[in-house]
Amino acid sequence: MKKIISAVLLLLMTGSAFAAQIVPRNELDNYVKKERVSISNVMGGKSKALEALRTEVDKKGGEYMYITSLDRPGNSSHWRGTAIVLEKK
């Protein structure tokens, strides 16, 4: 039982290490643009919206992303955003 708990804890702790990394605009020349992903109606703060974008990029097999938009329309508490899935050249 201790081995299972240890394995689960290790997986949870390292899970975020595999999340897509955000690439700044000035480094885009070092990457190939693959496809665009989007999120909408994400409740919570900016960190929840970023987590949702990373999840969508991860689903596409991407390791890197460039965020093209991230905002809350109007007075909404729901976030929306888009990102481009990137691959290193």
PDB file of N, CA and C in Angstrom:
ATOM      1  N   MET A   1       0.822  -1.191   0.000  1.00  0.00           N
ATOM      2  CA  MET A   1       0.000   0.000   0.000  1.00  0.00           C
ATOM      3  C   MET A   1       0.868   1.258   0.000  1.00  0.00           C
ATOM      4  N   LYS A   2       1.964   1.249   0.755  1.00  0.00           N
ATOM      5  CA  LYS A   2       2.850   2.403   0.797  1.00  0.00           C
ATOM      6  C   LYS A   2       3.467   2.677  -0.567  1.00  0.00           C
ATOM      7  N   LYS A   3       3.762   1.605  -1.320  1.00  0.00           N
ATOM      8  CA  LYS A   3       4.348   1.779  -2.645  1.00  0.00           C
ATOM      9  C   LYS A   3       3.357   2.456  -3.584  1.00  0.00           C
ATOM     10  N   ILE A   4       2.096   2.084  -3.494  1.00  0.00           N
ATOM     11  CA  ILE A   4       1.069   2.678  -4.354  1.00  0.00           C
ATOM     12  C   ILE A   4       0.903   4.159  -4.022  1.00  0.00           C
ATOM     13  N   ILE A   5       0.827   4.464  -2.751  1.00  0.00           N
ATOM     14  CA  ILE A   5       0.678   5.868  -2.329  1.00  0.00           C
ATOM     15  C   ILE A   5       1.886   6.679  -2.775  1.00  0.00           C
ATOM     16  N   SER A   6       3.078   6.126  -2.616  1.00  0.00           N
ATOM     17  CA  SER A   6       4.291   6.826  -3.041  1.00  0.00           C
ATOM     18  C   SER A   6       4.286   7.063  -4.544  1.00  0.00           C
ATOM     19  N   ALA A   7       3.865   6.074  -5.309  1.00  0.00           N
ATOM     20  CA  ALA A   7       3.819   6.214  -6.764  1.00  0.00           C
ATOM     21  C   ALA A   7       2.810   7.277  -7.184  1.00  0.00           C
ATOM     22  N   VAL A   8       1.657   7.298  -6.542  1.00  0.00           N
ATOM     23  CA  VAL A   8       0.633   8.291  -6.859  1.00  0.00           C
ATOM     24  C   VAL A   8       1.130   9.691  -6.507  1.00  0.00           C
ATOM     25  N   LEU A   9       1.739   9.850  -5.358  1.00  0.00           N
ATOM     26  CA  LEU A   9       2.266  11.155  -4.962  1.00  0.00           C
ATOM     27  C   LEU A   9       3.355  11.636  -5.922  1.00  0.00           C
ATOM     28  N   LEU A  10       4.222  10.733  -6.328  1.00  0.00           N
ATOM     29  CA  LEU A  10       5.277  11.086  -7.269  1.00  0.00           C
ATOM     30  C   LEU A  10       4.678  11.519  -8.604  1.00  0.00           C
ATOM     31  N   LEU A  11       3.674  10.802  -9.062  1.00  0.00           N
ATOM     32  CA  LEU A  11       3.013  11.154 -10.315  1.00  0.00           C
ATOM     33  C   LEU A  11       2.349  12.518 -10.227  1.00  0.00           C
ATOM     34  N   LEU A  12       1.687  12.797  -9.117  1.00  0.00           N
ATOM     35  CA  LEU A  12       1.033  14.095  -8.939  1.00  0.00           C
ATOM     36  C   LEU A  12       2.045  15.231  -8.886  1.00  0.00           C
ATOM     37  N   MET A  13       3.162  14.984  -8.242  1.00  0.00           N
ATOM     38  CA  MET A  13       4.182  16.022  -8.106  1.00  0.00           C
ATOM     39  C   MET A  13       4.882  16.300  -9.423  1.00  0.00           C
ATOM     40  N   THR A  14       5.090  15.285 -10.247  1.00  0.00           N
ATOM     41  CA  THR A  14       5.803  15.482 -11.505  1.00  0.00           C
ATOM     42  C   THR A  14       4.863  15.765 -12.664  1.00  0.00           C
ATOM     43  N   GLY A  15       3.580  15.638 -12.472  1.00  0.00           N
ATOM     44  CA  GLY A  15       2.614  15.861 -13.546  1.00  0.00           C
ATOM     45  C   GLY A  15       2.722  17.239 -14.147  1.00  0.00           C
ATOM     46  N   SER A  16       2.929  18.246 -13.318  1.00  0.00           N
ATOM     47  CA  SER A  16       3.036  19.602 -13.835  1.00  0.00           C
ATOM     48  C   SER A  16       4.345  19.835 -14.578  1.00  0.00           C
ATOM     49  N   ALA A  17       5.343  18.993 -14.343  1.00  0.00           N
ATOM     50  CA  ALA A  17       6.610  19.139 -15.034  1.00  0.00           C
ATOM     51  C   ALA A  17       6.461  18.832 -16.516  1.00  0.00           C
ATOM     52  N   PHE A  18       5.435  18.075 -16.886  1.00  0.00           N
ATOM     53  CA  PHE A  18       5.215  17.719 -18.270  1.00  0.00           C
ATOM     54  C   PHE A  18       4.240  18.663 -18.962  1.00  0.00           C
ATOM     55  N   ALA A  19       3.734  19.653 -18.253  1.00  0.00           N
ATOM     56  CA  ALA A  19       2.790  20.601 -18.842  1.00  0.00           C
ATOM     57  C   ALA A  19       3.512  21.461 -19.874  1.00  0.00           C
ATOM     58  N   ALA A  20       2.750  21.902 -20.865  1.00  0.00           N
ATOM     59  CA  ALA A  20       3.309  22.722 -21.936  1.00  0.00           C
ATOM     60  C   ALA A  20       3.935  23.999 -21.375  1.00  0.00           C
ATOM     61  N   GLN A  21       5.076  24.344 -21.911  1.00  0.00           N
ATOM     62  CA  GLN A  21       5.778  25.552 -21.496  1.00  0.00           C
ATOM     63  C   GLN A  21       5.364  26.716 -22.386  1.00  0.00           C
ATOM     64  N   ILE A  22       5.256  27.886 -21.801  1.00  0.00           N
ATOM     65  CA  ILE A  22       4.882  29.086 -22.540  1.00  0.00           C
ATOM     66  C   ILE A  22       6.136  29.696 -23.177  1.00  0.00           C
ATOM     67  N   VAL A  23       6.043  29.963 -24.473  1.00  0.00           N
ATOM     68  CA  VAL A  23       7.153  30.548 -25.224  1.00  0.00           C
ATOM     69  C   VAL A  23       6.860  32.032 -25.450  1.00  0.00           C
ATOM     70  N   PRO A  24       7.810  32.920 -25.136  1.00  0.00           N
ATOM     71  CA  PRO A  24       7.594  34.348 -25.392  1.00  0.00           C
ATOM     72  C   PRO A  24       7.696  34.668 -26.889  1.00  0.00           C
ATOM     73  N   ARG A  25       7.081  35.756 -27.274  1.00  0.00           N
ATOM     74  CA  ARG A  25       7.018  36.165 -28.687  1.00  0.00           C
ATOM     75  C   ARG A  25       8.403  36.252 -29.329  1.00  0.00           C
ATOM     76  N   ASN A  26       9.383  36.779 -28.601  1.00  0.00           N
ATOM     77  CA  ASN A  26      10.717  36.981 -29.192  1.00  0.00           C
ATOM     78  C   ASN A  26      11.469  35.679 -29.467  1.00  0.00           C
ATOM     79  N   GLU A  27      10.935  34.534 -29.044  1.00  0.00           N
ATOM     80  CA  GLU A  27      11.579  33.242 -29.301  1.00  0.00           C
ATOM     81  C   GLU A  27      10.808  32.383 -30.303  1.00  0.00           C
ATOM     82  N   LEU A  28       9.747  32.913 -30.897  1.00  0.00           N
ATOM     83  CA  LEU A  28       8.909  32.131 -31.812  1.00  0.00           C
ATOM     84  C   LEU A  28       9.664  31.628 -33.040  1.00  0.00           C
ATOM     85  N   ASP A  29      10.719  32.325 -33.463  1.00  0.00           N
ATOM     86  CA  ASP A  29      11.487  31.895 -34.637  1.00  0.00           C
ATOM     87  C   ASP A  29      12.156  30.543 -34.435  1.00  0.00           C
ATOM     88  N   ASN A  30      12.297  30.118 -33.186  1.00  0.00           N
ATOM     89  CA  ASN A  30      12.938  28.840 -32.883  1.00  0.00           C
ATOM     90  C   ASN A  30      11.955  27.667 -32.879  1.00  0.00           C
ATOM     91  N   TYR A  31      10.692  27.931 -33.218  1.00  0.00           N
ATOM     92  CA  TYR A  31       9.639  26.918 -33.135  1.00  0.00           C
ATOM     93  C   TYR A  31       8.826  26.864 -34.424  1.00  0.00           C
ATOM     94  N   VAL A  32       8.194  25.718 -34.646  1.00  0.00           N
ATOM     95  CA  VAL A  32       7.278  25.526 -35.763  1.00  0.00           C
ATOM     96  C   VAL A  32       5.867  25.563 -35.201  1.00  0.00           C
ATOM     97  N   LYS A  33       4.998  26.349 -35.825  1.00  0.00           N
ATOM     98  CA  LYS A  33       3.604  26.429 -35.390  1.00  0.00           C
ATOM     99  C   LYS A  33       2.847  25.221 -35.918  1.00  0.00           C
ATOM    100  N   LYS A  34       2.156  24.515 -35.023  1.00  0.00           N
ATOM    101  CA  LYS A  34       1.447  23.297 -35.405  1.00  0.00           C
ATOM    102  C   LYS A  34      -0.052  23.532 -35.594  1.00  0.00           C
ATOM    103  N   GLU A  35      -0.724  23.950 -34.568  1.00  0.00           N
ATOM    104  CA  GLU A  35      -2.165  24.190 -34.641  1.00  0.00           C
ATOM    105  C   GLU A  35      -2.592  25.089 -33.494  1.00  0.00           C
ATOM    106  N   ARG A  36      -3.842  25.531 -33.562  1.00  0.00           N
ATOM    107  CA  ARG A  36      -4.390  26.441 -32.554  1.00  0.00           C
ATOM    108  C   ARG A  36      -5.352  25.667 -31.656  1.00  0.00           C
ATOM    109  N   VAL A  37      -5.328  25.981 -30.370  1.00  0.00           N
ATOM    110  CA  VAL A  37      -6.282  25.410 -29.412  1.00  0.00           C
ATOM    111  C   VAL A  37      -6.982  26.562 -28.704  1.00  0.00           C
ATOM    112  N   SER A  38      -8.151  26.272 -28.152  1.00  0.00           N
ATOM    113  CA  SER A  38      -8.876  27.327 -27.443  1.00  0.00           C
ATOM    114  C   SER A  38      -9.609  26.752 -26.245  1.00  0.00           C
ATOM    115  N   ILE A  39      -9.924  27.646 -25.328  1.00  0.00           N
ATOM    116  CA  ILE A  39     -10.707  27.307 -24.139  1.00  0.00           C
ATOM    117  C   ILE A  39     -11.787  28.373 -23.997  1.00  0.00           C
ATOM    118  N   SER A  40     -12.860  28.019 -23.324  1.00  0.00           N
ATOM    119  CA  SER A  40     -13.904  28.999 -23.030  1.00  0.00           C
ATOM    120  C   SER A  40     -14.668  28.555 -21.797  1.00  0.00           C
ATOM    121  N   ASN A  41     -15.298  29.515 -21.148  1.00  0.00           N
ATOM    122  CA  ASN A  41     -16.113  29.262 -19.955  1.00  0.00           C
ATOM    123  C   ASN A  41     -15.354  28.576 -18.824  1.00  0.00           C
ATOM    124  N   VAL A  42     -14.096  28.939 -18.636  1.00  0.00           N
ATOM    125  CA  VAL A  42     -13.296  28.378 -17.546  1.00  0.00           C
ATOM    126  C   VAL A  42     -13.514  29.248 -16.311  1.00  0.00           C
ATOM    127  N   MET A  43     -14.061  28.639 -15.267  1.00  0.00           N
ATOM    128  CA  MET A  43     -14.308  29.349 -14.005  1.00  0.00           C
ATOM    129  C   MET A  43     -13.019  29.437 -13.201  1.00  0.00           C
ATOM    130  N   GLY A  44     -12.872  30.501 -12.456  1.00  0.00           N
ATOM    131  CA  GLY A  44     -11.713  30.659 -11.588  1.00  0.00           C
ATOM    132  C   GLY A  44     -10.840  31.802 -12.055  1.00  0.00           C
ATOM    133  N   GLY A  45      -9.624  31.788 -11.631  1.00  0.00           N
ATOM    134  CA  GLY A  45      -8.690  32.861 -11.953  1.00  0.00           C
ATOM    135  C   GLY A  45      -7.867  32.568 -13.182  1.00  0.00           C
ATOM    136  N   LYS A  46      -6.910  33.443 -13.405  1.00  0.00           N
ATOM    137  CA  LYS A  46      -6.024  33.327 -14.557  1.00  0.00           C
ATOM    138  C   LYS A  46      -5.244  32.016 -14.544  1.00  0.00           C
ATOM    139  N   SER A  47      -4.854  31.564 -13.367  1.00  0.00           N
ATOM    140  CA  SER A  47      -4.096  30.310 -13.275  1.00  0.00           C
ATOM    141  C   SER A  47      -4.920  29.123 -13.748  1.00  0.00           C
ATOM    142  N   LYS A  48      -6.214  29.127 -13.474  1.00  0.00           N
ATOM    143  CA  LYS A  48      -7.095  28.051 -13.953  1.00  0.00           C
ATOM    144  C   LYS A  48      -7.200  28.082 -15.475  1.00  0.00           C
ATOM    145  N   ALA A  49      -7.273  29.281 -16.038  1.00  0.00           N
ATOM    146  CA  ALA A  49      -7.347  29.423 -17.493  1.00  0.00           C
ATOM    147  C   ALA A  49      -6.049  28.942 -18.147  1.00  0.00           C
ATOM    148  N   LEU A  50      -4.910  29.297 -17.563  1.00  0.00           N
ATOM    149  CA  LEU A  50      -3.623  28.821 -18.089  1.00  0.00           C
ATOM    150  C   LEU A  50      -3.521  27.308 -17.994  1.00  0.00           C
ATOM    151  N   GLU A  51      -3.982  26.758 -16.894  1.00  0.00           N
ATOM    152  CA  GLU A  51      -3.978  25.304 -16.718  1.00  0.00           C
ATOM    153  C   GLU A  51      -4.839  24.629 -17.794  1.00  0.00           C
ATOM    154  N   ALA A  52      -5.987  25.222 -18.091  1.00  0.00           N
ATOM    155  CA  ALA A  52      -6.875  24.669 -19.120  1.00  0.00           C
ATOM    156  C   ALA A  52      -6.217  24.734 -20.498  1.00  0.00           C
ATOM    157  N   LEU A  53      -5.523  25.836 -20.804  1.00  0.00           N
ATOM    158  CA  LEU A  53      -4.805  25.929 -22.083  1.00  0.00           C
ATOM    159  C   LEU A  53      -3.699  24.891 -22.167  1.00  0.00           C
ATOM    160  N   ARG A  54      -2.950  24.744 -21.086  1.00  0.00           N
ATOM    161  CA  ARG A  54      -1.880  23.732 -21.059  1.00  0.00           C
ATOM    162  C   ARG A  54      -2.443  22.332 -21.287  1.00  0.00           C
ATOM    163  N   THR A  55      -3.597  22.055 -20.694  1.00  0.00           N
ATOM    164  CA  THR A  55      -4.234  20.751 -20.861  1.00  0.00           C
ATOM    165  C   THR A  55      -4.588  20.511 -22.322  1.00  0.00           C
ATOM    166  N   GLU A  56      -5.121  21.527 -22.989  1.00  0.00           N
ATOM    167  CA  GLU A  56      -5.488  21.390 -24.409  1.00  0.00           C
ATOM    168  C   GLU A  56      -4.247  21.175 -25.272  1.00  0.00           C
ATOM    169  N   VAL A  57      -3.169  21.881 -24.971  1.00  0.00           N
ATOM    170  CA  VAL A  57      -1.918  21.703 -25.715  1.00  0.00           C
ATOM    171  C   VAL A  57      -1.366  20.305 -25.467  1.00  0.00           C
ATOM    172  N   ASP A  58      -1.418  19.842 -24.231  1.00  0.00           N
ATOM    173  CA  ASP A  58      -0.955  18.497 -23.894  1.00  0.00           C
ATOM    174  C   ASP A  58      -1.740  17.438 -24.664  1.00  0.00           C
ATOM    175  N   LYS A  59      -3.042  17.640 -24.818  1.00  0.00           N
ATOM    176  CA  LYS A  59      -3.883  16.694 -25.562  1.00  0.00           C
ATOM    177  C   LYS A  59      -3.431  16.561 -27.014  1.00  0.00           C
ATOM    178  N   LYS A  60      -2.877  17.638 -27.551  1.00  0.00           N
ATOM    179  CA  LYS A  60      -2.392  17.632 -28.933  1.00  0.00           C
ATOM    180  C   LYS A  60      -0.958  17.128 -29.027  1.00  0.00           C
ATOM    181  N   GLY A  61      -0.376  16.766 -27.887  1.00  0.00           N
ATOM    182  CA  GLY A  61       0.990  16.264 -27.873  1.00  0.00           C
ATOM    183  C   GLY A  61       2.042  17.350 -27.885  1.00  0.00           C
ATOM    184  N   GLY A  62       1.636  18.584 -27.626  1.00  0.00           N
ATOM    185  CA  GLY A  62       2.580  19.700 -27.645  1.00  0.00           C
ATOM    186  C   GLY A  62       3.331  19.849 -26.342  1.00  0.00           C
ATOM    187  N   GLU A  63       4.559  20.319 -26.456  1.00  0.00           N
ATOM    188  CA  GLU A  63       5.373  20.600 -25.278  1.00  0.00           C
ATOM    189  C   GLU A  63       5.496  22.099 -25.034  1.00  0.00           C
ATOM    190  N   TYR A  64       5.215  22.875 -26.077  1.00  0.00           N
ATOM    191  CA  TYR A  64       5.380  24.321 -26.001  1.00  0.00           C
ATOM    192  C   TYR A  64       4.131  25.000 -26.569  1.00  0.00           C
ATOM    193  N   MET A  65       3.862  26.221 -26.080  1.00  0.00           N
ATOM    194  CA  MET A  65       2.721  26.969 -26.590  1.00  0.00           C
ATOM    195  C   MET A  65       3.003  28.455 -26.540  1.00  0.00           C
ATOM    196  N   TYR A  66       2.335  29.166 -27.446  1.00  0.00           N
ATOM    197  CA  TYR A  66       2.371  30.622 -27.463  1.00  0.00           C
ATOM    198  C   TYR A  66       0.936  31.090 -27.257  1.00  0.00           C
ATOM    199  N   ILE A  67       0.706  31.865 -26.216  1.00  0.00           N
ATOM    200  CA  ILE A  67      -0.647  32.329 -25.904  1.00  0.00           C
ATOM    201  C   ILE A  67      -0.963  33.542 -26.772  1.00  0.00           C
ATOM    202  N   THR A  68      -2.033  33.425 -27.559  1.00  0.00           N
ATOM    203  CA  THR A  68      -2.433  34.532 -28.421  1.00  0.00           C
ATOM    204  C   THR A  68      -3.503  35.392 -27.779  1.00  0.00           C
ATOM    205  N   SER A  69      -4.298  34.806 -26.889  1.00  0.00           N
ATOM    206  CA  SER A  69      -5.293  35.603 -26.156  1.00  0.00           C
ATOM    207  C   SER A  69      -5.662  34.901 -24.862  1.00  0.00           C
ATOM    208  N   LEU A  70      -5.986  35.709 -23.853  1.00  0.00           N
ATOM    209  CA  LEU A  70      -6.437  35.192 -22.568  1.00  0.00           C
ATOM    210  C   LEU A  70      -7.152  36.328 -21.851  1.00  0.00           C
ATOM    211  N   ASP A  71      -8.471  36.201 -21.709  1.00  0.00           N
ATOM    212  CA  ASP A  71      -9.217  37.288 -21.087  1.00  0.00           C
ATOM    213  C   ASP A  71     -10.561  36.823 -20.544  1.00  0.00           C
ATOM    214  N   ARG A  72     -11.236  37.762 -19.886  1.00  0.00           N
ATOM    215  CA  ARG A  72     -12.601  37.561 -19.393  1.00  0.00           C
ATOM    216  C   ARG A  72     -13.483  38.554 -20.121  1.00  0.00           C
ATOM    217  N   PRO A  73     -14.405  38.065 -20.922  1.00  0.00           N
ATOM    218  CA  PRO A  73     -15.262  39.005 -21.657  1.00  0.00           C
ATOM    219  C   PRO A  73     -16.224  39.742 -20.724  1.00  0.00           C
ATOM    220  N   GLY A  74     -16.307  41.042 -20.897  1.00  0.00           N
ATOM    221  CA  GLY A  74     -17.230  41.850 -20.094  1.00  0.00           C
ATOM    222  C   GLY A  74     -16.955  41.745 -18.611  1.00  0.00           C
ATOM    223  N   ASN A  75     -18.007  41.615 -17.824  1.00  0.00           N
ATOM    224  CA  ASN A  75     -17.894  41.478 -16.373  1.00  0.00           C
ATOM    225  C   ASN A  75     -17.934  40.018 -15.938  1.00  0.00           C
ATOM    226  N   SER A  76     -17.671  39.119 -16.840  1.00  0.00           N
ATOM    227  CA  SER A  76     -17.784  37.691 -16.586  1.00  0.00           C
ATOM    228  C   SER A  76     -16.668  37.187 -15.660  1.00  0.00           C
ATOM    229  N   SER A  77     -16.954  36.112 -14.955  1.00  0.00           N
ATOM    230  CA  SER A  77     -15.927  35.439 -14.165  1.00  0.00           C
ATOM    231  C   SER A  77     -15.387  34.232 -14.931  1.00  0.00           C
ATOM    232  N   HIS A  78     -15.870  34.053 -16.148  1.00  0.00           N
ATOM    233  CA  HIS A  78     -15.430  32.956 -17.010  1.00  0.00           C
ATOM    234  C   HIS A  78     -14.296  33.441 -17.910  1.00  0.00           C
ATOM    235  N   TRP A  79     -13.273  32.618 -18.034  1.00  0.00           N
ATOM    236  CA  TRP A  79     -12.117  32.958 -18.865  1.00  0.00           C
ATOM    237  C   TRP A  79     -12.231  32.274 -20.213  1.00  0.00           C
ATOM    238  N   ARG A  80     -11.618  32.884 -21.223  1.00  0.00           N
ATOM    239  CA  ARG A  80     -11.481  32.277 -22.540  1.00  0.00           C
ATOM    240  C   ARG A  80     -10.080  32.576 -23.041  1.00  0.00           C
ATOM    241  N   GLY A  81      -9.595  31.769 -23.949  1.00  0.00           N
ATOM    242  CA  GLY A  81      -8.260  32.010 -24.472  1.00  0.00           C
ATOM    243  C   GLY A  81      -7.919  31.116 -25.635  1.00  0.00           C
ATOM    244  N   THR A  82      -6.861  31.476 -26.343  1.00  0.00           N
ATOM    245  CA  THR A  82      -6.344  30.679 -27.447  1.00  0.00           C
ATOM    246  C   THR A  82      -4.826  30.611 -27.348  1.00  0.00           C
ATOM    247  N   ALA A  83      -4.285  29.535 -27.879  1.00  0.00           N
ATOM    248  CA  ALA A  83      -2.837  29.351 -27.906  1.00  0.00           C
ATOM    249  C   ALA A  83      -2.460  28.571 -29.154  1.00  0.00           C
ATOM    250  N   ILE A  84      -1.233  28.744 -29.573  1.00  0.00           N
ATOM    251  CA  ILE A  84      -0.705  27.990 -30.705  1.00  0.00           C
ATOM    252  C   ILE A  84       0.224  26.907 -30.163  1.00  0.00           C
ATOM    253  N   VAL A  85      -0.008  25.689 -30.595  1.00  0.00           N
ATOM    254  CA  VAL A  85       0.842  24.563 -30.216  1.00  0.00           C
ATOM    255  C   VAL A  85       2.132  24.684 -31.038  1.00  0.00           C
ATOM    256  N   LEU A  86       3.265  24.588 -30.357  1.00  0.00           N
ATOM    257  CA  LEU A  86       4.562  24.763 -31.008  1.00  0.00           C
ATOM    258  C   LEU A  86       5.425  23.511 -30.869  1.00  0.00           C
ATOM    259  N   GLU A  87       6.352  23.395 -31.807  1.00  0.00           N
ATOM    260  CA  GLU A  87       7.336  22.323 -31.767  1.00  0.00           C
ATOM    261  C   GLU A  87       8.686  22.960 -32.025  1.00  0.00           C
ATOM    262  N   LYS A  88       9.716  22.531 -31.304  1.00  0.00           N
ATOM    263  CA  LYS A  88      11.063  23.080 -31.516  1.00  0.00           C
ATOM    264  C   LYS A  88      11.559  22.700 -32.903  1.00  0.00           C
ATOM    265  N   LYS A  89      12.266  23.649 -33.539  1.00  0.00           N
ATOM    266  CA  LYS A  89      12.852  23.377 -34.877  1.00  0.00           C
ATOM    267  C   LYS A  89      14.005  22.426 -34.746  1.00  0.00           C
TER     268      LYS A  89
END
